[in-house]
Amino acid sequence: MSESEHLDKGDRTVEIQVTTIDRFVAEMGLSQLSIIKIDVEGFELNVLQGAEKLLERANAPIILLETHPVHSKRHFGSPKSVANYLAGLDFEIFVLNRNTKTPLCWRLTDELAAKQEKLSLLYNLIAIKGDHPSYGKLRARMETDASR
């Protein structure tokens, strides 16, 4: 069952229905999801925590998400806390590059996370488990692009 939340829209309040990904997957009887796209303006950690059962599975989906330090701070988090949470579930985190003249992506390191925080950069991330069928292709693409 979805829960009700209120969204403050200036002088009026809008009631919206919310649920967790785990609850949605259970209610729909889904055995597998291939990919999850998350763009929730700072609520990334909350969304991921609501998908923990799904993300603990051996067949966990690939996750695409956008993180930004300013949005995360508003909700008492940080992009690094999102990365740490996913790493704790055995995901490897890659930063998608918007500049096509350099590698497609690279691993999210502490240095990149610090740079994102300092410069208030928006990062698009891919999170994938090492045993995911697409992991090898992603790694090969990253290494090919890096050698150019």
C-alpha atoms as a PDB file:
ATOM      1  CA  MET A   1       0.000   0.000   0.000  1.00  0.00           C
ATOM      2  CA  SER A   2       1.337   3.415  -0.909  1.00  0.00           C
ATOM      3  CA  GLU A   3       1.735   6.076   1.715  1.00  0.00           C
ATOM      4  CA  SER A   4       0.503   9.594   1.429  1.00  0.00           C
ATOM      5  CA  GLU A   5       2.871  12.561   1.563  1.00  0.00           C
ATOM      6  CA  HIS A   6       2.234  16.253   1.272  1.00  0.00           C
ATOM      7  CA  LEU A   7       4.113  18.492  -1.096  1.00  0.00           C
ATOM      8  CA  ASP A   8       4.107  22.166  -0.206  1.00  0.00           C
ATOM      9  CA  LYS A   9       3.425  24.220  -3.342  1.00  0.00           C
ATOM     10  CA  GLY A  10       3.589  27.752  -2.003  1.00  0.00           C
ATOM     11  CA  ASP A  11       0.167  28.635  -0.692  1.00  0.00           C
ATOM     12  CA  ARG A  12      -1.318  25.179  -1.254  1.00  0.00           C
ATOM     13  CA  THR A  13      -0.519  21.610  -0.295  1.00  0.00           C
ATOM     14  CA  VAL A  14      -0.700  18.763  -2.780  1.00  0.00           C
ATOM     15  CA  GLU A  15      -1.188  15.204  -1.558  1.00  0.00           C
ATOM     16  CA  ILE A  16       0.796  12.625  -3.497  1.00  0.00           C
ATOM     17  CA  GLN A  17       1.059   8.859  -3.207  1.00  0.00           C
ATOM     18  CA  VAL A  18       4.535   7.452  -2.536  1.00  0.00           C
ATOM     19  CA  THR A  19       5.921   3.964  -2.110  1.00  0.00           C
ATOM     20  CA  THR A  20       9.281   2.261  -2.014  1.00  0.00           C
ATOM     21  CA  ILE A  21      10.811   0.380  -4.907  1.00  0.00           C
ATOM     22  CA  ASP A  22      10.839  -2.799  -2.798  1.00  0.00           C
ATOM     23  CA  ARG A  23       7.134  -2.433  -2.048  1.00  0.00           C
ATOM     24  CA  PHE A  24       6.351  -1.677  -5.716  1.00  0.00           C
ATOM     25  CA  VAL A  25       8.329  -4.719  -6.901  1.00  0.00           C
ATOM     26  CA  ALA A  26       6.492  -6.943  -4.392  1.00  0.00           C
ATOM     27  CA  GLU A  27       3.046  -5.532  -5.226  1.00  0.00           C
ATOM     28  CA  MET A  28       3.641  -5.975  -8.956  1.00  0.00           C
ATOM     29  CA  GLY A  29       5.116  -9.455  -8.528  1.00  0.00           C
ATOM     30  CA  LEU A  30       8.247  -8.515 -10.471  1.00  0.00           C
ATOM     31  CA  SER A  31      11.025 -11.085 -10.362  1.00  0.00           C
ATOM     32  CA  GLN A  32      13.623  -8.841 -11.962  1.00  0.00           C
ATOM     33  CA  LEU A  33      14.296  -5.270 -13.062  1.00  0.00           C
ATOM     34  CA  SER A  34      17.029  -4.565 -15.599  1.00  0.00           C
ATOM     35  CA  ILE A  35      17.670  -0.921 -14.871  1.00  0.00           C
ATOM     36  CA  ILE A  36      16.574   1.821 -12.475  1.00  0.00           C
ATOM     37  CA  LYS A  37      16.898   5.532 -13.311  1.00  0.00           C
ATOM     38  CA  ILE A  38      16.907   7.854 -10.293  1.00  0.00           C
ATOM     39  CA  ASP A  39      16.698  11.655 -10.524  1.00  0.00           C
ATOM     40  CA  VAL A  40      15.130  12.851  -7.298  1.00  0.00           C
ATOM     41  CA  GLU A  41      16.909  16.126  -6.438  1.00  0.00           C
ATOM     42  CA  GLY A  42      18.767  15.014  -3.327  1.00  0.00           C
ATOM     43  CA  PHE A  43      16.596  12.117  -2.170  1.00  0.00           C
ATOM     44  CA  GLU A  44      18.817   9.484  -3.841  1.00  0.00           C
ATOM     45  CA  LEU A  45      19.825   7.784  -0.597  1.00  0.00           C
ATOM     46  CA  ASN A  46      16.194   7.574   0.538  1.00  0.00           C
ATOM     47  CA  VAL A  47      15.163   5.955  -2.755  1.00  0.00           C
ATOM     48  CA  LEU A  48      18.041   3.476  -2.619  1.00  0.00           C
ATOM     49  CA  GLN A  49      17.258   2.539   0.976  1.00  0.00           C
ATOM     50  CA  GLY A  50      13.699   1.812  -0.160  1.00  0.00           C
ATOM     51  CA  ALA A  51      15.116  -0.597  -2.751  1.00  0.00           C
ATOM     52  CA  GLU A  52      17.536  -2.451  -0.476  1.00  0.00           C
ATOM     53  CA  LYS A  53      15.947  -5.898  -0.896  1.00  0.00           C
ATOM     54  CA  LEU A  54      16.083  -5.540  -4.675  1.00  0.00           C
ATOM     55  CA  LEU A  55      19.647  -4.218  -4.619  1.00  0.00           C
ATOM     56  CA  GLU A  56      20.876  -7.068  -2.393  1.00  0.00           C
ATOM     57  CA  ARG A  57      19.785  -9.640  -4.973  1.00  0.00           C
ATOM     58  CA  ALA A  58      22.306 -11.451  -7.152  1.00  0.00           C
ATOM     59  CA  ASN A  59      20.375 -10.195 -10.212  1.00  0.00           C
ATOM     60  CA  ALA A  60      20.261  -6.571  -9.023  1.00  0.00           C
ATOM     61  CA  PRO A  61      19.552  -4.023 -11.753  1.00  0.00           C
ATOM     62  CA  ILE A  62      21.956  -1.463 -13.153  1.00  0.00           C
ATOM     63  CA  ILE A  63      21.311   1.904 -11.520  1.00  0.00           C
ATOM     64  CA  LEU A  64      21.594   5.231 -13.324  1.00  0.00           C
ATOM     65  CA  LEU A  65      21.421   8.211 -11.022  1.00  0.00           C
ATOM     66  CA  GLU A  66      22.145  11.889 -10.904  1.00  0.00           C
ATOM     67  CA  THR A  67      23.813  13.372  -7.831  1.00  0.00           C
ATOM     68  CA  HIS A  68      24.546  16.955  -6.869  1.00  0.00           C
ATOM     69  CA  PRO A  69      26.019  18.153  -3.556  1.00  0.00           C
ATOM     70  CA  VAL A  70      23.630  21.104  -3.158  1.00  0.00           C
ATOM     71  CA  HIS A  71      20.502  18.970  -3.566  1.00  0.00           C
ATOM     72  CA  SER A  72      21.863  16.240  -1.305  1.00  0.00           C
ATOM     73  CA  LYS A  73      22.788  18.634   1.499  1.00  0.00           C
ATOM     74  CA  ARG A  74      19.223  19.939   1.599  1.00  0.00           C
ATOM     75  CA  HIS A  75      18.182  16.429   2.548  1.00  0.00           C
ATOM     76  CA  PHE A  76      21.013  15.671   4.989  1.00  0.00           C
ATOM     77  CA  GLY A  77      23.081  13.562   2.625  1.00  0.00           C
ATOM     78  CA  SER A  78      25.878  13.766   0.111  1.00  0.00           C
ATOM     79  CA  PRO A  79      26.773  12.116  -3.182  1.00  0.00           C
ATOM     80  CA  LYS A  80      29.545  10.321  -1.283  1.00  0.00           C
ATOM     81  CA  SER A  81      26.988   8.836   1.147  1.00  0.00           C
ATOM     82  CA  VAL A  82      25.067   7.512  -1.870  1.00  0.00           C
ATOM     83  CA  ALA A  83      28.244   5.970  -3.303  1.00  0.00           C
ATOM     84  CA  ASN A  84      29.182   4.465   0.067  1.00  0.00           C
ATOM     85  CA  TYR A  85      25.715   2.960   0.463  1.00  0.00           C
ATOM     86  CA  LEU A  86      25.887   1.342  -2.975  1.00  0.00           C
ATOM     87  CA  ALA A  87      29.455   0.127  -2.403  1.00  0.00           C
ATOM     88  CA  GLY A  88      28.197  -1.535   0.785  1.00  0.00           C
ATOM     89  CA  LEU A  89      25.795  -3.512  -1.412  1.00  0.00           C
ATOM     90  CA  ASP A  90      28.702  -4.589  -3.696  1.00  0.00           C
ATOM     91  CA  PHE A  91      28.046  -2.087  -6.474  1.00  0.00           C
ATOM     92  CA  GLU A  92      30.888  -0.485  -8.371  1.00  0.00           C
ATOM     93  CA  ILE A  93      30.273   3.178  -9.153  1.00  0.00           C
ATOM     94  CA  PHE A  94      31.255   4.884 -12.398  1.00  0.00           C
ATOM     95  CA  VAL A  95      30.885   8.532 -13.388  1.00  0.00           C
ATOM     96  CA  LEU A  96      29.354   9.075 -16.826  1.00  0.00           C
ATOM     97  CA  ASN A  97      31.185  11.694 -18.801  1.00  0.00           C
ATOM     98  CA  ARG A  98      29.261  14.294 -20.752  1.00  0.00           C
ATOM     99  CA  ASN A  99      32.335  15.272 -22.795  1.00  0.00           C
ATOM    100  CA  THR A 100      32.553  12.810 -25.693  1.00  0.00           C
ATOM    101  CA  LYS A 101      36.227  13.667 -26.343  1.00  0.00           C
ATOM    102  CA  THR A 102      37.328  11.855 -23.183  1.00  0.00           C
ATOM    103  CA  PRO A 103      36.473   8.439 -21.704  1.00  0.00           C
ATOM    104  CA  LEU A 104      32.832   7.398 -21.450  1.00  0.00           C
ATOM    105  CA  CYS A 105      33.177   6.898 -17.727  1.00  0.00           C
ATOM    106  CA  TRP A 106      35.590   6.336 -14.903  1.00  0.00           C
ATOM    107  CA  ARG A 107      35.447   4.904 -11.398  1.00  0.00           C
ATOM    108  CA  LEU A 108      34.138   7.188  -8.680  1.00  0.00           C
ATOM    109  CA  THR A 109      37.091   7.724  -6.345  1.00  0.00           C
ATOM    110  CA  ASP A 110      37.414   9.698  -3.141  1.00  0.00           C
ATOM    111  CA  GLU A 111      39.255  12.373  -5.164  1.00  0.00           C
ATOM    112  CA  LEU A 112      36.414  12.688  -7.678  1.00  0.00           C
ATOM    113  CA  ALA A 113      33.847  12.823  -4.878  1.00  0.00           C
ATOM    114  CA  ALA A 114      35.849  15.598  -3.168  1.00  0.00           C
ATOM    115  CA  LYS A 115      36.079  17.506  -6.459  1.00  0.00           C
ATOM    116  CA  GLN A 116      32.311  17.169  -6.941  1.00  0.00           C
ATOM    117  CA  GLU A 117      31.722  18.526  -3.438  1.00  0.00           C
ATOM    118  CA  LYS A 118      34.203  21.405  -3.766  1.00  0.00           C
ATOM    119  CA  LEU A 119      33.076  22.550  -7.202  1.00  0.00           C
ATOM    120  CA  SER A 120      29.402  21.652  -6.720  1.00  0.00           C
ATOM    121  CA  LEU A 121      29.382  19.448  -9.819  1.00  0.00           C
ATOM    122  CA  LEU A 122      26.466  17.398 -11.059  1.00  0.00           C
ATOM    123  CA  TYR A 123      27.477  13.782 -11.678  1.00  0.00           C
ATOM    124  CA  ASN A 124      25.570  11.140 -13.558  1.00  0.00           C
ATOM    125  CA  LEU A 125      26.532   7.758 -12.146  1.00  0.00           C
ATOM    126  CA  ILE A 126      26.237   4.144 -13.211  1.00  0.00           C
ATOM    127  CA  ALA A 127      26.162   1.599 -10.400  1.00  0.00           C
ATOM    128  CA  ILE A 128      26.634  -2.027 -11.373  1.00  0.00           C
ATOM    129  CA  LYS A 129      27.587  -5.223  -9.585  1.00  0.00           C
ATOM    130  CA  GLY A 130      30.752  -6.975 -10.720  1.00  0.00           C
ATOM    131  CA  ASP A 131      28.878 -10.174 -11.573  1.00  0.00           C
ATOM    132  CA  HIS A 132      26.251  -8.386 -13.700  1.00  0.00           C
ATOM    133  CA  PRO A 133      26.246  -9.644 -17.332  1.00  0.00           C
ATOM    134  CA  SER A 134      26.946  -6.108 -18.653  1.00  0.00           C
ATOM    135  CA  TYR A 135      29.815  -5.362 -16.261  1.00  0.00           C
ATOM    136  CA  GLY A 136      32.513  -6.735 -18.574  1.00  0.00           C
ATOM    137  CA  LYS A 137      31.244  -4.656 -21.505  1.00  0.00           C
ATOM    138  CA  LEU A 138      31.223  -1.492 -19.407  1.00  0.00           C
ATOM    139  CA  ARG A 139      34.767  -2.132 -18.133  1.00  0.00           C
ATOM    140  CA  ALA A 140      36.031  -2.895 -21.653  1.00  0.00           C
ATOM    141  CA  ARG A 141      34.464   0.303 -22.995  1.00  0.00           C
ATOM    142  CA  MET A 142      35.967   2.337 -20.173  1.00  0.00           C
ATOM    143  CA  GLU A 143      39.439   0.874 -20.741  1.00  0.00           C
ATOM    144  CA  THR A 144      39.210   1.324 -24.530  1.00  0.00           C
ATOM    145  CA  ASP A 145      38.185   4.968 -24.155  1.00  0.00           C
ATOM    146  CA  ALA A 146      40.912   5.589 -21.566  1.00  0.00           C
ATOM    147  CA  SER A 147      43.602   4.321 -23.941  1.00  0.00           C
ATOM    148  CA  ARG A 148      42.697   6.833 -26.669  1.00  0.00           C
END
